[in-house]
Amino acid sequence: MHDQLTAGMLLAGYAQGIFPMAESRDARELHWFEPHRRGILPLDGFHISRSLARDIRRGRFTIRLDSAFHAVVEGCADRPETWINDALFDLYDTLFTLGHAHSVEVWRGPDLVGGTFGITLGGAFFGESMFSRVTNASKVALAYAVDHLREAGFSLFDTQYLTAHLASLGGVEIPRDEYRRRLAMALRHSADFTAPEIPTPQLLLQRMTQTS
């Protein structure tokens, strides 16, 4: 699949349960993937360790939404090997402009130190990637993302694959058929990523404790 993929085609692919990746940053072609076992992050089962709760409670980070979307994507791609190529950068920027892509950003003072971004469709959030420049920053981003998605009315947080990092936070794998069932249910509902306010650290931890 070459780089003629449009934003509409990308959204249609997500609605069918598939997603594109490139072999490297310099690769021109994109390939569709649909894992036999799909990673998801249950919105009612996020695990906050004592050290993560302590980091959140200290309030040394500022959380923002959609204020530096492209910089978050750049942060996610800033590693020795990445599947985000130029075509995907352009597509993500277009989807952001259309209101179908969003970022959760972790700032420390003037510095962007972590974050995550994903695509939204109906009540589904397709998490693409995350990054961290200081300890626990990506975990903080995911904690706020999970809370935000739940408050905004989302029902599915798709992580594509399950990593050890995600598993430590409550991520699980489900069979492809089960994923398709949950995706179909999520797509039947609408959710507004921009609606909820960012909670205080204390409120976030209180809500997480009640649902995990």
C-alpha atoms as a PDB file:
ATOM      1  CA  MET A   1       0.000   0.000   0.000  1.00  0.00           C
ATOM      2  CA  HIS A   2       1.609   3.249  -1.102  1.00  0.00           C
ATOM      3  CA  ASP A   3       1.317   6.701   0.395  1.00  0.00           C
ATOM      4  CA  GLN A   4      -1.882   7.581  -1.540  1.00  0.00           C
ATOM      5  CA  LEU A   5      -3.855   6.543   1.534  1.00  0.00           C
ATOM      6  CA  THR A   6      -6.338   9.259   2.514  1.00  0.00           C
ATOM      7  CA  ALA A   7      -7.650  10.188   5.934  1.00  0.00           C
ATOM      8  CA  GLY A   8     -11.072   8.821   4.972  1.00  0.00           C
ATOM      9  CA  MET A   9      -9.558   5.496   3.933  1.00  0.00           C
ATOM     10  CA  LEU A  10      -7.653   5.362   7.208  1.00  0.00           C
ATOM     11  CA  LEU A  11     -10.819   5.867   9.255  1.00  0.00           C
ATOM     12  CA  ALA A  12     -12.611   3.237   7.157  1.00  0.00           C
ATOM     13  CA  GLY A  13      -9.802   0.817   7.952  1.00  0.00           C
ATOM     14  CA  TYR A  14     -10.044   1.464  11.678  1.00  0.00           C
ATOM     15  CA  ALA A  15     -13.795   0.883  11.512  1.00  0.00           C
ATOM     16  CA  GLN A  16     -13.035  -2.563  10.047  1.00  0.00           C
ATOM     17  CA  GLY A  17     -10.510  -3.373  12.770  1.00  0.00           C
ATOM     18  CA  ILE A  18      -7.312  -2.855  10.763  1.00  0.00           C
ATOM     19  CA  PHE A  19      -4.554  -0.270  11.097  1.00  0.00           C
ATOM     20  CA  PRO A  20      -1.539   0.794   8.996  1.00  0.00           C
ATOM     21  CA  MET A  21       2.152   0.776   9.903  1.00  0.00           C
ATOM     22  CA  ALA A  22       5.372   1.385   7.988  1.00  0.00           C
ATOM     23  CA  GLU A  23       8.493  -0.753   8.277  1.00  0.00           C
ATOM     24  CA  SER A  24      10.599   2.300   9.165  1.00  0.00           C
ATOM     25  CA  ARG A  25      10.600   6.112   9.230  1.00  0.00           C
ATOM     26  CA  ASP A  26      12.063   6.199   5.702  1.00  0.00           C
ATOM     27  CA  ALA A  27       9.779   3.534   4.211  1.00  0.00           C
ATOM     28  CA  ARG A  28       7.402   4.724   1.491  1.00  0.00           C
ATOM     29  CA  GLU A  29       4.892   1.891   1.776  1.00  0.00           C
ATOM     30  CA  LEU A  30       2.310   1.289   4.470  1.00  0.00           C
ATOM     31  CA  HIS A  31       0.929  -2.122   5.404  1.00  0.00           C
ATOM     32  CA  TRP A  32      -2.392  -3.003   7.045  1.00  0.00           C
ATOM     33  CA  PHE A  33      -2.379  -5.126  10.200  1.00  0.00           C
ATOM     34  CA  GLU A  34      -5.051  -7.051  12.099  1.00  0.00           C
ATOM     35  CA  PRO A  35      -3.515  -9.081  14.959  1.00  0.00           C
ATOM     36  CA  HIS A  36      -5.025 -12.446  15.895  1.00  0.00           C
ATOM     37  CA  ARG A  37      -4.935 -11.253  19.491  1.00  0.00           C
ATOM     38  CA  ARG A  38      -5.645  -7.575  20.077  1.00  0.00           C
ATOM     39  CA  GLY A  39      -4.364  -5.427  22.905  1.00  0.00           C
ATOM     40  CA  ILE A  40      -6.850  -3.251  24.758  1.00  0.00           C
ATOM     41  CA  LEU A  41      -6.673  -1.128  27.902  1.00  0.00           C
ATOM     42  CA  PRO A  42      -9.910  -1.651  29.864  1.00  0.00           C
ATOM     43  CA  LEU A  43     -11.257   1.742  30.896  1.00  0.00           C
ATOM     44  CA  ASP A  44     -12.381   0.330  34.259  1.00  0.00           C
ATOM     45  CA  GLY A  45      -9.237  -1.659  34.998  1.00  0.00           C
ATOM     46  CA  PHE A  46      -6.277   0.730  34.848  1.00  0.00           C
ATOM     47  CA  HIS A  47      -3.639  -0.189  37.421  1.00  0.00           C
ATOM     48  CA  ILE A  48      -1.871   2.623  39.248  1.00  0.00           C
ATOM     49  CA  SER A  49       1.196   1.558  41.186  1.00  0.00           C
ATOM     50  CA  ARG A  50       2.221   3.330  44.392  1.00  0.00           C
ATOM     51  CA  SER A  51       5.093   5.078  42.630  1.00  0.00           C
ATOM     52  CA  LEU A  52       2.830   6.268  39.807  1.00  0.00           C
ATOM     53  CA  ALA A  53       0.182   7.479  42.271  1.00  0.00           C
ATOM     54  CA  ARG A  54       2.917   9.323  44.167  1.00  0.00           C
ATOM     55  CA  ASP A  55       4.136  11.014  40.976  1.00  0.00           C
ATOM     56  CA  ILE A  56       0.592  12.074  40.075  1.00  0.00           C
ATOM     57  CA  ARG A  57      -0.197  13.272  43.605  1.00  0.00           C
ATOM     58  CA  ARG A  58       2.875  15.504  43.715  1.00  0.00           C
ATOM     59  CA  GLY A  59       1.393  17.559  40.891  1.00  0.00           C
ATOM     60  CA  ARG A  60       4.749  18.270  39.287  1.00  0.00           C
ATOM     61  CA  PHE A  61       3.280  17.666  35.813  1.00  0.00           C
ATOM     62  CA  THR A  62       0.785  19.747  33.859  1.00  0.00           C
ATOM     63  CA  ILE A  63      -1.611  17.816  31.634  1.00  0.00           C
ATOM     64  CA  ARG A  64      -2.844  19.344  28.387  1.00  0.00           C
ATOM     65  CA  LEU A  65      -4.935  18.078  25.514  1.00  0.00           C
ATOM     66  CA  ASP A  66      -4.284  18.784  21.834  1.00  0.00           C
ATOM     67  CA  SER A  67      -1.942  21.723  22.463  1.00  0.00           C
ATOM     68  CA  ALA A  68       1.088  20.111  20.786  1.00  0.00           C
ATOM     69  CA  PHE A  69      -0.286  17.200  18.769  1.00  0.00           C
ATOM     70  CA  HIS A  70       2.439  17.131  16.110  1.00  0.00           C
ATOM     71  CA  ALA A  71       5.142  17.357  18.782  1.00  0.00           C
ATOM     72  CA  VAL A  72       3.658  14.310  20.526  1.00  0.00           C
ATOM     73  CA  VAL A  73       3.755  12.317  17.295  1.00  0.00           C
ATOM     74  CA  GLU A  74       7.362  13.456  16.811  1.00  0.00           C
ATOM     75  CA  GLY A  75       8.161  12.344  20.353  1.00  0.00           C
ATOM     76  CA  CYS A  76       6.659   8.927  19.677  1.00  0.00           C
ATOM     77  CA  ALA A  77       8.717   8.574  16.481  1.00  0.00           C
ATOM     78  CA  ASP A  78      11.945   9.762  18.118  1.00  0.00           C
ATOM     79  CA  ARG A  79      13.494   6.350  18.686  1.00  0.00           C
ATOM     80  CA  PRO A  80      15.969   4.093  16.860  1.00  0.00           C
ATOM     81  CA  GLU A  81      13.161   2.180  15.132  1.00  0.00           C
ATOM     82  CA  THR A  82       9.706   3.549  14.395  1.00  0.00           C
ATOM     83  CA  TRP A  83       6.736   2.568  12.217  1.00  0.00           C
ATOM     84  CA  ILE A  84       5.624   6.195  11.814  1.00  0.00           C
ATOM     85  CA  ASN A  85       6.736   7.391   8.377  1.00  0.00           C
ATOM     86  CA  ASP A  86       6.132  10.683   6.564  1.00  0.00           C
ATOM     87  CA  ALA A  87       2.837   9.471   5.085  1.00  0.00           C
ATOM     88  CA  LEU A  88       1.482   8.663   8.541  1.00  0.00           C
ATOM     89  CA  PHE A  89       2.687  12.007   9.909  1.00  0.00           C
ATOM     90  CA  ASP A  90       0.644  13.753   7.211  1.00  0.00           C
ATOM     91  CA  LEU A  91      -2.395  11.545   7.787  1.00  0.00           C
ATOM     92  CA  TYR A  92      -2.321  12.056  11.550  1.00  0.00           C
ATOM     93  CA  ASP A  93      -2.048  15.835  11.074  1.00  0.00           C
ATOM     94  CA  THR A  94      -5.043  15.744   8.729  1.00  0.00           C
ATOM     95  CA  LEU A  95      -7.075  13.647  11.165  1.00  0.00           C
ATOM     96  CA  PHE A  96      -6.162  16.078  13.942  1.00  0.00           C
ATOM     97  CA  THR A  97      -7.456  18.961  11.832  1.00  0.00           C
ATOM     98  CA  LEU A  98     -10.660  17.000  11.210  1.00  0.00           C
ATOM     99  CA  GLY A  99     -11.131  16.322  14.942  1.00  0.00           C
ATOM    100  CA  HIS A 100     -10.422  12.580  14.682  1.00  0.00           C
ATOM    101  CA  ALA A 101      -6.964  12.570  16.305  1.00  0.00           C
ATOM    102  CA  HIS A 102      -6.026  13.776  19.777  1.00  0.00           C
ATOM    103  CA  SER A 103      -3.072  13.990  22.113  1.00  0.00           C
ATOM    104  CA  VAL A 104      -2.704  13.795  25.875  1.00  0.00           C
ATOM    105  CA  GLU A 105       0.428  15.710  26.823  1.00  0.00           C
ATOM    106  CA  VAL A 106       2.558  15.700  29.969  1.00  0.00           C
ATOM    107  CA  TRP A 107       4.445  18.937  30.568  1.00  0.00           C
ATOM    108  CA  ARG A 108       6.992  19.837  33.219  1.00  0.00           C
ATOM    109  CA  GLY A 109       7.286  23.587  33.155  1.00  0.00           C
ATOM    110  CA  PRO A 110       7.834  24.609  29.528  1.00  0.00           C
ATOM    111  CA  ASP A 111       9.001  21.152  28.455  1.00  0.00           C
ATOM    112  CA  LEU A 112       6.928  18.416  26.824  1.00  0.00           C
ATOM    113  CA  VAL A 113       8.202  15.347  28.694  1.00  0.00           C
ATOM    114  CA  GLY A 114       5.698  12.673  27.685  1.00  0.00           C
ATOM    115  CA  GLY A 115       2.441  11.937  25.972  1.00  0.00           C
ATOM    116  CA  THR A 116       0.232   9.662  23.949  1.00  0.00           C
ATOM    117  CA  PHE A 117      -1.957  10.130  20.890  1.00  0.00           C
ATOM    118  CA  GLY A 118      -4.681   8.244  19.101  1.00  0.00           C
ATOM    119  CA  ILE A 119      -7.536   8.264  16.624  1.00  0.00           C
ATOM    120  CA  THR A 120     -11.194   8.591  17.648  1.00  0.00           C
ATOM    121  CA  LEU A 121     -14.202   7.134  15.892  1.00  0.00           C
ATOM    122  CA  GLY A 122     -17.567   6.813  17.597  1.00  0.00           C
ATOM    123  CA  GLY A 123     -16.916   5.526  21.097  1.00  0.00           C
ATOM    124  CA  ALA A 124     -13.571   3.956  20.172  1.00  0.00           C
ATOM    125  CA  PHE A 125     -10.109   5.375  20.811  1.00  0.00           C
ATOM    126  CA  PHE A 126      -7.324   3.772  18.787  1.00  0.00           C
ATOM    127  CA  GLY A 127      -4.162   4.415  20.757  1.00  0.00           C
ATOM    128  CA  GLU A 128      -1.218   4.766  18.395  1.00  0.00           C
ATOM    129  CA  SER A 129       1.866   5.322  20.509  1.00  0.00           C
ATOM    130  CA  MET A 130       3.320   6.978  23.599  1.00  0.00           C
ATOM    131  CA  PHE A 131       6.630   8.425  24.677  1.00  0.00           C
ATOM    132  CA  SER A 132       8.420   9.467  27.845  1.00  0.00           C
ATOM    133  CA  ARG A 133      11.410  11.709  28.449  1.00  0.00           C
ATOM    134  CA  VAL A 134      11.285  11.468  32.242  1.00  0.00           C
ATOM    135  CA  THR A 135      10.381   8.586  34.540  1.00  0.00           C
ATOM    136  CA  ASN A 136       6.693   7.622  34.515  1.00  0.00           C
ATOM    137  CA  ALA A 137       5.648  10.399  32.084  1.00  0.00           C
ATOM    138  CA  SER A 138       4.057   8.011  29.585  1.00  0.00           C
ATOM    139  CA  LYS A 139       2.271   6.207  32.423  1.00  0.00           C
ATOM    140  CA  VAL A 140       0.928   9.521  33.688  1.00  0.00           C
ATOM    141  CA  ALA A 141      -0.280  10.297  30.162  1.00  0.00           C
ATOM    142  CA  LEU A 142      -2.096   6.959  29.955  1.00  0.00           C
ATOM    143  CA  ALA A 143      -3.689   7.399  33.388  1.00  0.00           C
ATOM    144  CA  TYR A 144      -5.144  10.738  32.344  1.00  0.00           C
ATOM    145  CA  ALA A 145      -6.099   9.353  28.927  1.00  0.00           C
ATOM    146  CA  VAL A 146      -8.053   6.464  30.446  1.00  0.00           C
ATOM    147  CA  ASP A 147      -9.868   8.765  32.871  1.00  0.00           C
ATOM    148  CA  HIS A 148     -10.601  11.257  30.097  1.00  0.00           C
ATOM    149  CA  LEU A 149     -11.955   8.638  27.710  1.00  0.00           C
ATOM    150  CA  ARG A 150     -14.224   7.220  30.374  1.00  0.00           C
ATOM    151  CA  GLU A 151     -15.561  10.646  31.300  1.00  0.00           C
ATOM    152  CA  ALA A 152     -16.064  11.510  27.609  1.00  0.00           C
ATOM    153  CA  GLY A 153     -18.222   8.443  26.969  1.00  0.00           C
ATOM    154  CA  PHE A 154     -15.768   6.147  25.188  1.00  0.00           C
ATOM    155  CA  SER A 155     -16.049   2.390  25.666  1.00  0.00           C
ATOM    156  CA  LEU A 156     -12.972   1.015  23.863  1.00  0.00           C
ATOM    157  CA  PHE A 157      -9.275   1.853  24.219  1.00  0.00           C
ATOM    158  CA  ASP A 158      -7.515  -0.140  21.515  1.00  0.00           C
ATOM    159  CA  THR A 159      -3.737  -0.486  22.013  1.00  0.00           C
ATOM    160  CA  GLN A 160      -3.261  -2.694  18.921  1.00  0.00           C
ATOM    161  CA  TYR A 161      -0.621  -4.896  20.561  1.00  0.00           C
ATOM    162  CA  LEU A 162      -0.019  -5.718  24.226  1.00  0.00           C
ATOM    163  CA  THR A 163       3.419  -4.820  25.545  1.00  0.00           C
ATOM    164  CA  ALA A 164       4.825  -5.595  28.985  1.00  0.00           C
ATOM    165  CA  HIS A 165       4.532  -1.866  29.725  1.00  0.00           C
ATOM    166  CA  LEU A 166       0.805  -1.873  28.928  1.00  0.00           C
ATOM    167  CA  ALA A 167       0.218  -5.173  30.740  1.00  0.00           C
ATOM    168  CA  SER A 168       1.676  -3.644  33.925  1.00  0.00           C
ATOM    169  CA  LEU A 169      -0.989  -0.945  33.697  1.00  0.00           C
ATOM    170  CA  GLY A 170      -3.883  -3.371  33.266  1.00  0.00           C
ATOM    171  CA  GLY A 171      -3.743  -3.974  29.517  1.00  0.00           C
ATOM    172  CA  VAL A 172      -5.019  -7.337  28.252  1.00  0.00           C
ATOM    173  CA  GLU A 173      -5.223  -9.324  25.034  1.00  0.00           C
ATOM    174  CA  ILE A 174      -8.502 -10.476  23.541  1.00  0.00           C
ATOM    175  CA  PRO A 175      -9.203 -12.685  20.490  1.00  0.00           C
ATOM    176  CA  ARG A 176      -9.849 -11.002  17.152  1.00  0.00           C
ATOM    177  CA  ASP A 177     -13.543 -11.966  17.144  1.00  0.00           C
ATOM    178  CA  GLU A 178     -14.054 -10.504  20.604  1.00  0.00           C
ATOM    179  CA  TYR A 179     -12.289  -7.328  19.532  1.00  0.00           C
ATOM    180  CA  ARG A 180     -14.513  -7.007  16.469  1.00  0.00           C
ATOM    181  CA  ARG A 181     -17.590  -7.398  18.687  1.00  0.00           C
ATOM    182  CA  ARG A 182     -16.424  -4.686  21.073  1.00  0.00           C
ATOM    183  CA  LEU A 183     -15.445  -2.425  18.186  1.00  0.00           C
ATOM    184  CA  ALA A 184     -18.869  -2.763  16.573  1.00  0.00           C
ATOM    185  CA  MET A 185     -20.527  -1.836  19.878  1.00  0.00           C
ATOM    186  CA  ALA A 186     -18.216   1.157  20.357  1.00  0.00           C
ATOM    187  CA  LEU A 187     -18.836   2.475  16.866  1.00  0.00           C
ATOM    188  CA  ARG A 188     -22.588   2.566  17.514  1.00  0.00           C
ATOM    189  CA  HIS A 189     -22.113   5.228  20.195  1.00  0.00           C
ATOM    190  CA  SER A 190     -20.815   8.773  20.037  1.00  0.00           C
ATOM    191  CA  ALA A 191     -18.291  10.311  22.398  1.00  0.00           C
ATOM    192  CA  ASP A 192     -16.757  13.768  22.599  1.00  0.00           C
ATOM    193  CA  PHE A 193     -13.053  13.788  23.427  1.00  0.00           C
ATOM    194  CA  THR A 194     -13.051  17.542  23.962  1.00  0.00           C
ATOM    195  CA  ALA A 195     -15.910  17.665  26.476  1.00  0.00           C
ATOM    196  CA  PRO A 196     -14.468  16.707  29.902  1.00  0.00           C
ATOM    197  CA  GLU A 197     -12.176  18.981  31.872  1.00  0.00           C
ATOM    198  CA  ILE A 198      -8.790  17.747  33.060  1.00  0.00           C
ATOM    199  CA  PRO A 199      -9.189  16.690  36.699  1.00  0.00           C
ATOM    200  CA  THR A 200      -6.946  17.617  39.576  1.00  0.00           C
ATOM    201  CA  PRO A 201      -4.436  14.903  40.562  1.00  0.00           C
ATOM    202  CA  GLN A 202      -6.525  14.176  43.656  1.00  0.00           C
ATOM    203  CA  LEU A 203      -9.753  13.754  41.668  1.00  0.00           C
ATOM    204  CA  LEU A 204      -8.019  11.575  39.090  1.00  0.00           C
ATOM    205  CA  LEU A 205      -6.678   9.225  41.770  1.00  0.00           C
ATOM    206  CA  GLN A 206     -10.046   9.146  43.533  1.00  0.00           C
ATOM    207  CA  ARG A 207     -11.850   8.145  40.334  1.00  0.00           C
ATOM    208  CA  MET A 208      -9.191   5.576  39.443  1.00  0.00           C
ATOM    209  CA  THR A 209      -9.472   3.993  42.872  1.00  0.00           C
ATOM    210  CA  GLN A 210     -13.253   3.717  42.513  1.00  0.00           C
ATOM    211  CA  THR A 211     -13.126   1.976  39.096  1.00  0.00           C
ATOM    212  CA  SER A 212     -10.022  -0.228  39.251  1.00  0.00           C
END
